[in-house]
Amino acid sequence: MSPRARSRPAWVPLVAPVALAVADALLVNGVTPGLALSLSLVAAVALLWRRRYPVAVFLVVLPGFYVGYIWFAPLIALYTVAAARRPDRRLLGVTGLLFAVVHFLPYPVSDLPVGDPRGLALDAINAVVIAAAPIAMGLLSRTRRGLAARLDELTRSRAREDRLLADRVLATERARLAREMHDVVAHQVSLISLQAGAVQVSTADTQARAGARTIRELSVRTLDELRHMVGILRAAGADTEELTPQPKLADLPRLIELSALDVTYEAAYDPAAERSDAVERAAFRTVQEALTNVRKHAPGAKVRVRVDDPDGGLRVEVRNGPADATAPAPGLPGGGHGLVGLRERAQSLGGTLEASRTEDDGFVVRARFPRGG
């Protein structure tokens, strides 16, 4: 519905046809009281109930149409019958036939030119065509409303599916982060358990030995519970990969080499700087997803990957130019939600991720991560 239609009062579409029909009745029959004028005015006023009782209003309009020679009221009434939500085809046929008959027969019937077959045939064709016009317009209006409602339903359904798919992507990314957290926490807890075991063996203090034994038991129990929780996430289908060591920034050259793309890699960061493993993994995944998108959407494009560490943080930028028209498109499927997971990962580490088109019809992905993450 347009803004103009929304701002229009609700009574205007209901009263405007009535006013038009009243004016038609007065113009055709004059202002002198009589049968024709009375039936014409009744037909015009009856249009107020045309939406609730379309067939009854059409029947009330017919006498004024026959006697008063009015036009607007019967045309509007027949249009309303056809534009109803569930019009019956037989009902449309009967009402259209009544309209054509009333239009064809003069008032009084004795004025019918029986001796002019050609004129009668032309009048009959004219009556049928005029009766078909409001029916066609009403059916068209009803079809348009149905299509608009269907389109609105499809739009809402599509938006709902997009939200569900985005939520699923976020859940998958969070499950992957949980798996990576398992690697980090398991490593740290394992070190605690080993240190506690060393203290238990080396110390002669009974109380210290008992404390070390308790720490070691708690560490083992924590590892078991952590593995169980990650196993639940994997069993739910969010992640089916094994708990293997995750890639870092040092693995980027190998990733770029295996990408089979025209990539220029600029490593402007300090390899010896202290960074969390989560930040390095997030940077690696950002480059990996960006190269995958280049392969999907810009085959043959030149790519520049730059990783630097301004202000002690870590910044990743993957910029590609326009696609090469001569390069074959791989036709890989994509849901457009890879960047959603990367943005969720970056935000969970306290960073940001931006993606946008460039002026040369390319694309750029920029991610910033704090030092500690």
Protein backbone atom coordinates (compact mmCIF):
# COMPACT_ATOMS: atom_id res chain seq x y z
CA MET A 1 0.00 0.00 0.00
CA SER A 2 1.36 3.39 -0.96
CA PRO A 3 1.90 6.15 1.63
CA ARG A 4 -0.82 8.21 -0.05
CA ALA A 5 -3.32 5.34 0.34
CA ARG A 6 -2.36 4.88 3.99
CA SER A 7 -2.89 8.58 4.73
CA ARG A 8 -6.30 8.62 3.01
CA PRO A 9 -9.34 8.29 5.33
CA ALA A 10 -11.00 4.86 5.28
CA TRP A 11 -14.42 6.26 4.37
CA VAL A 12 -13.27 7.86 1.11
CA PRO A 13 -13.25 4.65 -1.02
CA LEU A 14 -16.68 3.77 0.39
CA VAL A 15 -18.43 7.12 -0.09
CA ALA A 16 -16.79 8.33 -3.32
CA PRO A 17 -18.61 5.78 -5.57
CA VAL A 18 -21.91 6.63 -3.88
CA ALA A 19 -21.43 10.33 -4.59
CA LEU A 20 -20.51 9.53 -8.17
CA ALA A 21 -23.62 7.37 -8.58
CA VAL A 22 -25.88 10.10 -7.07
CA ALA A 23 -24.46 12.65 -9.48
CA ASP A 24 -25.05 10.22 -12.36
CA ALA A 25 -28.68 9.72 -11.27
CA LEU A 26 -29.33 13.46 -11.07
CA LEU A 27 -27.69 14.17 -14.42
CA VAL A 28 -29.60 11.44 -16.24
CA ASN A 29 -33.03 11.84 -14.62
CA GLY A 30 -32.99 15.47 -13.51
CA VAL A 31 -34.19 16.70 -10.16
CA THR A 32 -37.91 16.17 -10.81
CA PRO A 33 -39.26 13.50 -8.44
CA GLY A 34 -40.41 10.35 -10.15
CA LEU A 35 -39.98 6.57 -10.37
CA ALA A 36 -36.78 6.71 -12.39
CA LEU A 37 -35.09 9.19 -10.06
CA SER A 38 -36.22 7.32 -6.94
CA LEU A 39 -34.93 3.94 -8.16
CA SER A 40 -31.68 5.57 -9.29
CA LEU A 41 -31.07 7.18 -5.90
CA VAL A 42 -31.89 3.93 -4.10
CA ALA A 43 -29.34 2.18 -6.30
CA ALA A 44 -26.74 4.83 -5.49
CA VAL A 45 -27.31 4.65 -1.71
CA ALA A 46 -27.27 0.84 -1.80
CA LEU A 47 -23.59 1.00 -2.82
CA LEU A 48 -22.74 1.77 0.79
CA TRP A 49 -23.28 -1.94 1.58
CA ARG A 50 -21.70 -3.32 -1.60
CA ARG A 51 -18.68 -4.83 0.16
CA ARG A 52 -20.70 -6.72 2.75
CA TYR A 53 -23.60 -7.79 0.50
CA PRO A 54 -22.29 -7.56 -3.09
CA VAL A 55 -24.91 -9.79 -4.72
CA ALA A 56 -27.87 -8.25 -2.88
CA VAL A 57 -26.68 -4.73 -3.73
CA PHE A 58 -26.34 -5.72 -7.39
CA LEU A 59 -29.93 -6.94 -7.45
CA VAL A 60 -31.13 -3.72 -5.79
CA VAL A 61 -29.29 -1.67 -8.39
CA LEU A 62 -30.84 -3.43 -11.41
CA PRO A 63 -34.29 -1.67 -11.26
CA GLY A 64 -32.64 1.74 -11.27
CA PHE A 65 -30.41 0.59 -14.14
CA TYR A 66 -33.42 -0.60 -16.13
CA VAL A 67 -35.77 2.30 -15.44
CA GLY A 68 -33.42 5.19 -14.81
CA TYR A 69 -30.72 4.41 -17.38
CA ILE A 70 -27.96 5.02 -14.85
CA TRP A 71 -24.47 3.63 -15.44
CA PHE A 72 -22.09 4.08 -12.52
CA ALA A 73 -24.08 2.23 -9.86
CA PRO A 74 -24.59 -1.01 -11.87
CA LEU A 75 -21.00 -1.01 -13.14
CA ILE A 76 -19.63 -0.55 -9.61
CA ALA A 77 -21.96 -3.20 -8.20
CA LEU A 78 -21.00 -5.77 -10.86
CA TYR A 79 -17.30 -4.96 -10.35
CA THR A 80 -17.70 -5.54 -6.60
CA VAL A 81 -19.30 -8.96 -7.20
CA ALA A 82 -16.37 -9.98 -9.41
CA ALA A 83 -13.74 -8.56 -7.03
CA ALA A 84 -15.03 -10.52 -4.05
CA ARG A 85 -12.50 -12.80 -2.40
CA ARG A 86 -14.10 -16.05 -3.59
CA PRO A 87 -16.43 -15.33 -6.48
CA ASP A 88 -18.35 -18.26 -7.94
CA ARG A 89 -18.02 -18.59 -11.72
CA ARG A 90 -21.66 -19.48 -12.11
CA LEU A 91 -22.62 -16.49 -10.01
CA LEU A 92 -20.48 -14.24 -12.22
CA GLY A 93 -22.15 -15.71 -15.29
CA VAL A 94 -25.64 -15.11 -13.92
CA THR A 95 -24.92 -11.53 -12.77
CA GLY A 96 -23.18 -10.71 -16.03
CA LEU A 97 -26.11 -12.12 -18.00
CA LEU A 98 -28.60 -10.10 -15.92
CA PHE A 99 -26.57 -6.95 -16.52
CA ALA A 100 -26.48 -7.61 -20.29
CA VAL A 101 -30.22 -8.37 -20.45
CA VAL A 102 -31.19 -5.25 -18.49
CA HIS A 103 -28.90 -3.18 -20.66
CA PHE A 104 -30.28 -4.75 -23.86
CA LEU A 105 -34.01 -4.39 -23.06
CA PRO A 106 -35.37 -0.84 -23.29
CA TYR A 107 -37.87 0.66 -20.87
CA PRO A 108 -40.63 0.03 -21.63
CA VAL A 109 -40.05 -3.29 -23.43
CA SER A 110 -42.55 -2.26 -26.13
CA ASP A 111 -39.87 0.09 -27.50
CA LEU A 112 -37.72 -2.88 -28.54
CA PRO A 113 -37.05 -2.54 -32.31
CA VAL A 114 -38.15 -6.03 -33.31
CA GLY A 115 -38.11 -5.16 -37.02
CA ASP A 116 -34.38 -4.31 -37.02
CA PRO A 117 -32.42 -7.59 -36.60
CA ARG A 118 -29.08 -5.94 -37.33
CA GLY A 119 -29.66 -3.26 -34.70
CA LEU A 120 -30.76 -5.89 -32.17
CA ALA A 121 -27.60 -7.91 -32.82
CA LEU A 122 -25.38 -4.87 -32.37
CA ASP A 123 -27.21 -3.92 -29.16
CA ALA A 124 -26.80 -7.47 -27.82
CA ILE A 125 -23.06 -7.51 -28.56
CA ASN A 126 -22.69 -4.09 -26.99
CA ALA A 127 -24.53 -5.25 -23.85
CA VAL A 128 -22.34 -8.36 -23.50
CA VAL A 129 -19.11 -6.40 -23.96
CA ILE A 130 -20.13 -3.76 -21.42
CA ALA A 131 -21.12 -6.48 -18.92
CA ALA A 132 -17.79 -8.27 -19.41
CA ALA A 133 -15.73 -5.15 -18.70
CA PRO A 134 -16.47 -4.73 -14.95
CA ILE A 135 -16.24 -8.49 -14.45
CA ALA A 136 -12.79 -8.55 -16.04
CA MET A 137 -11.67 -5.58 -13.98
CA GLY A 138 -12.96 -7.14 -10.78
CA LEU A 139 -11.19 -10.45 -11.46
CA LEU A 140 -8.01 -8.55 -12.27
CA SER A 141 -8.24 -6.62 -9.02
CA ARG A 142 -8.83 -9.80 -7.04
CA THR A 143 -5.87 -11.51 -8.72
CA ARG A 144 -3.69 -8.50 -7.99
CA ARG A 145 -4.63 -8.59 -4.30
CA GLY A 146 -3.93 -12.30 -4.15
CA LEU A 147 -0.52 -11.86 -5.78
CA ALA A 148 0.33 -8.98 -3.46
CA ALA A 149 -0.62 -11.06 -0.43
CA ARG A 150 1.38 -14.00 -1.74
CA LEU A 151 4.40 -11.79 -2.42
CA ASP A 152 4.18 -10.32 1.07
CA GLU A 153 4.00 -13.82 2.53
CA LEU A 154 7.00 -14.95 0.48
CA THR A 155 8.94 -11.86 1.56
CA ARG A 156 8.24 -12.55 5.23
CA SER A 157 9.11 -16.22 4.75
CA ARG A 158 12.36 -15.34 3.01
CA ALA A 159 13.30 -12.90 5.75
CA ARG A 160 12.50 -15.54 8.36
CA GLU A 161 14.62 -18.13 6.54
CA ASP A 162 17.49 -15.66 6.26
CA ARG A 163 17.34 -15.00 9.98
CA LEU A 164 17.30 -18.71 10.75
CA LEU A 165 20.20 -19.34 8.40
CA ALA A 166 22.18 -16.47 9.91
CA ASP A 167 21.47 -17.82 13.40
CA ARG A 168 22.65 -21.23 12.28
CA VAL A 169 25.86 -19.76 10.88
CA LEU A 170 26.46 -17.92 14.13
CA ALA A 171 25.79 -21.09 16.12
CA THR A 172 28.23 -23.02 13.93
CA GLU A 173 30.90 -20.39 14.35
CA ARG A 174 30.40 -20.34 18.10
CA ALA A 175 30.68 -24.13 18.19
CA ARG A 176 33.93 -23.90 16.23
CA LEU A 177 35.18 -21.31 18.69
CA ALA A 178 34.27 -23.70 21.50
CA ARG A 179 36.34 -26.41 19.82
CA GLU A 180 39.29 -24.06 19.52
CA MET A 181 38.81 -22.99 23.11
CA HIS A 182 39.07 -26.67 24.00
CA ASP A 183 42.51 -26.82 22.41
CA VAL A 184 43.73 -23.80 24.37
CA VAL A 185 42.18 -24.71 27.71
CA ALA A 186 43.15 -28.37 27.41
CA HIS A 187 46.74 -27.38 26.81
CA GLN A 188 46.83 -25.07 29.81
CA VAL A 189 45.07 -27.51 32.13
CA SER A 190 47.41 -30.27 30.98
CA LEU A 191 50.37 -28.14 32.00
CA ILE A 192 48.76 -27.55 35.39
CA SER A 193 48.25 -31.30 35.80
CA LEU A 194 51.87 -32.04 34.86
CA GLN A 195 53.18 -29.41 37.28
CA ALA A 196 50.98 -30.79 40.03
CA GLY A 197 52.29 -34.29 39.31
CA ALA A 198 55.87 -33.04 39.48
CA VAL A 199 55.21 -31.37 42.83
CA GLN A 200 53.54 -34.55 44.10
CA VAL A 201 56.61 -36.61 43.26
CA SER A 202 59.34 -34.16 44.31
CA THR A 203 58.04 -32.77 47.60
CA ALA A 204 58.39 -34.46 50.94
CA ASP A 205 55.67 -32.38 52.59
CA THR A 206 52.59 -34.55 53.12
CA GLN A 207 50.19 -31.59 53.02
CA ALA A 208 51.75 -30.21 49.82
CA ARG A 209 51.64 -33.65 48.26
CA ALA A 210 47.94 -34.02 49.10
CA GLY A 211 47.23 -30.57 47.62
CA ALA A 212 49.12 -31.46 44.46
CA ARG A 213 47.16 -34.70 44.17
CA THR A 214 43.90 -32.78 44.52
CA ILE A 215 44.97 -30.27 41.85
CA ARG A 216 45.87 -33.08 39.50
CA GLU A 217 42.55 -34.87 40.03
CA LEU A 218 40.62 -31.65 39.45
CA SER A 219 42.61 -30.99 36.29
CA VAL A 220 41.82 -34.41 34.90
CA ARG A 221 38.15 -34.02 35.78
CA THR A 222 38.06 -30.59 34.12
CA LEU A 223 39.55 -32.04 30.94
CA ASP A 224 36.97 -34.83 30.90
CA GLU A 225 34.07 -32.39 31.35
CA LEU A 226 35.46 -30.06 28.70
CA ARG A 227 35.80 -32.88 26.19
CA HIS A 228 32.28 -34.03 27.01
CA MET A 229 30.82 -30.56 26.40
CA VAL A 230 32.65 -30.16 23.09
CA GLY A 231 31.50 -33.64 22.13
CA ILE A 232 27.88 -32.56 22.66
CA LEU A 233 28.39 -29.62 20.30
CA ARG A 234 29.90 -31.89 17.67
CA ALA A 235 27.14 -34.48 18.07
CA ALA A 236 24.55 -31.74 17.40
CA GLY A 237 26.00 -31.34 13.94
CA ALA A 238 27.58 -27.95 14.45
CA ASP A 239 31.09 -29.21 13.88
CA THR A 240 32.31 -32.60 12.67
CA GLU A 241 36.04 -31.88 12.55
CA GLU A 242 38.49 -33.61 14.83
CA LEU A 243 40.11 -31.74 17.69
CA THR A 244 43.30 -31.05 15.73
CA PRO A 245 45.79 -28.19 16.16
CA GLN A 246 44.49 -25.03 14.57
CA PRO A 247 46.33 -22.90 11.98
CA LYS A 248 48.12 -19.66 12.79
CA LEU A 249 49.66 -16.73 10.94
CA ALA A 250 52.72 -18.80 10.09
CA ASP A 251 50.49 -21.04 7.98
CA LEU A 252 49.28 -18.19 5.72
CA PRO A 253 51.97 -18.66 3.03
CA ARG A 254 50.99 -22.29 2.68
CA LEU A 255 47.29 -21.33 2.47
CA ILE A 256 48.01 -18.76 -0.23
CA GLU A 257 50.14 -21.24 -2.15
CA LEU A 258 47.35 -23.81 -2.16
CA SER A 259 44.68 -21.25 -3.15
CA ALA A 260 45.82 -21.25 -6.81
CA LEU A 261 45.05 -17.52 -7.01
CA ASP A 262 47.13 -14.56 -8.13
CA VAL A 263 47.93 -13.36 -4.61
CA THR A 264 50.45 -10.80 -3.41
CA TYR A 265 51.21 -11.40 0.25
CA GLU A 266 52.58 -8.61 2.43
CA ALA A 267 53.61 -9.77 5.90
CA ALA A 268 54.27 -6.53 7.76
CA TYR A 269 53.76 -7.87 11.28
CA ASP A 270 56.31 -8.87 13.90
CA PRO A 271 56.38 -12.69 14.09
CA ALA A 272 58.00 -12.54 17.52
CA ALA A 273 55.26 -10.38 19.05
CA GLU A 274 53.09 -12.00 21.69
CA ARG A 275 49.57 -12.66 20.46
CA SER A 276 46.84 -14.97 21.60
CA ASP A 277 46.28 -18.11 19.57
CA ALA A 278 42.64 -17.12 19.11
CA VAL A 279 43.63 -13.88 17.36
CA GLU A 280 46.03 -15.65 15.02
CA ARG A 281 43.44 -18.29 14.18
CA ALA A 282 40.83 -15.60 13.54
CA ALA A 283 43.21 -13.79 11.20
CA PHE A 284 43.92 -17.02 9.36
CA ARG A 285 40.21 -17.81 8.99
CA THR A 286 39.56 -14.29 7.70
CA VAL A 287 42.11 -14.68 4.91
CA GLN A 288 40.84 -18.19 4.18
CA GLU A 289 37.22 -17.08 3.82
CA ALA A 290 38.16 -14.02 1.75
CA LEU A 291 40.18 -16.15 -0.70
CA THR A 292 37.29 -18.57 -0.93
CA ASN A 293 34.93 -15.71 -1.82
CA VAL A 294 37.37 -14.47 -4.47
CA ARG A 295 37.44 -17.92 -6.00
CA LYS A 296 33.63 -18.02 -6.02
CA HIS A 297 32.69 -14.51 -7.10
CA ALA A 298 35.75 -13.01 -8.81
CA PRO A 299 37.58 -15.73 -10.72
CA GLY A 300 40.85 -14.59 -12.21
CA ALA A 301 41.01 -11.45 -10.05
CA LYS A 302 44.28 -10.23 -8.57
CA VAL A 303 44.39 -10.37 -4.79
CA ARG A 304 46.50 -8.51 -2.24
CA VAL A 305 46.74 -9.85 1.30
CA ARG A 306 48.35 -7.61 3.90
CA VAL A 307 48.83 -8.44 7.57
CA ASP A 308 50.35 -5.84 9.88
CA ASP A 309 50.26 -4.95 13.57
CA PRO A 310 49.65 -1.23 14.10
CA ASP A 311 49.40 -0.07 17.72
CA GLY A 312 50.24 -3.52 18.97
CA GLY A 313 47.10 -5.14 17.53
CA LEU A 314 46.69 -7.17 14.38
CA ARG A 315 45.14 -5.95 11.13
CA VAL A 316 44.22 -8.11 8.14
CA GLU A 317 43.23 -6.72 4.76
CA VAL A 318 42.28 -8.81 1.73
CA ARG A 319 41.60 -6.75 -1.38
CA ASN A 320 40.74 -8.13 -4.81
CA GLY A 321 40.16 -6.44 -8.13
CA PRO A 322 37.41 -7.12 -10.66
CA ALA A 323 36.89 -10.59 -12.04
CA ASP A 324 38.64 -11.63 -15.26
CA ALA A 325 36.00 -12.13 -17.94
CA THR A 326 38.13 -14.81 -19.60
CA ALA A 327 38.53 -16.88 -16.44
CA PRO A 328 36.05 -19.75 -16.06
CA ALA A 329 33.59 -19.37 -13.19
CA PRO A 330 33.77 -22.30 -10.75
CA GLY A 331 30.03 -22.22 -9.99
CA LEU A 332 30.56 -22.96 -6.31
CA PRO A 333 27.49 -22.68 -4.07
CA GLY A 334 27.41 -19.98 -1.44
CA GLY A 335 24.86 -18.74 1.05
CA GLY A 336 26.44 -15.34 1.66
CA HIS A 337 26.88 -16.03 5.38
CA GLY A 338 30.63 -16.71 5.58
CA LEU A 339 31.34 -13.13 6.56
CA VAL A 340 28.64 -13.33 9.23
CA GLY A 341 30.63 -15.99 11.07
CA LEU A 342 33.87 -14.04 10.67
CA ARG A 343 32.27 -10.89 12.06
CA GLU A 344 30.91 -12.86 15.02
CA ARG A 345 34.38 -14.30 15.65
CA ALA A 346 36.02 -10.86 15.43
CA GLN A 347 33.49 -9.29 17.81
CA SER A 348 33.90 -12.12 20.29
CA LEU A 349 37.62 -11.27 20.41
CA GLY A 350 36.96 -7.55 20.84
CA GLY A 351 37.77 -6.69 17.24
CA THR A 352 35.89 -5.56 14.14
CA LEU A 353 35.38 -6.77 10.59
CA GLU A 354 34.29 -4.69 7.60
CA ALA A 355 33.53 -5.80 4.05
CA SER A 356 32.59 -3.57 1.12
CA ARG A 357 32.96 -3.09 -2.61
CA THR A 358 35.73 -0.93 -4.03
CA GLU A 359 35.56 1.73 -6.70
CA ASP A 360 37.14 -0.57 -9.31
CA ASP A 361 34.33 -3.13 -8.86
CA GLY A 362 36.46 -5.23 -6.55
CA PHE A 363 36.00 -6.16 -2.91
CA VAL A 364 37.87 -5.57 0.32
CA VAL A 365 37.71 -7.28 3.70
CA ARG A 366 39.33 -5.60 6.71
CA ALA A 367 39.61 -7.16 10.13
CA ARG A 368 41.17 -5.66 13.26
CA PHE A 369 42.00 -7.67 16.38
CA PRO A 370 43.43 -6.56 19.72
CA ARG A 371 46.70 -8.01 20.88
CA GLY A 372 45.32 -10.21 23.60
CA GLY A 373 41.91 -11.04 22.11
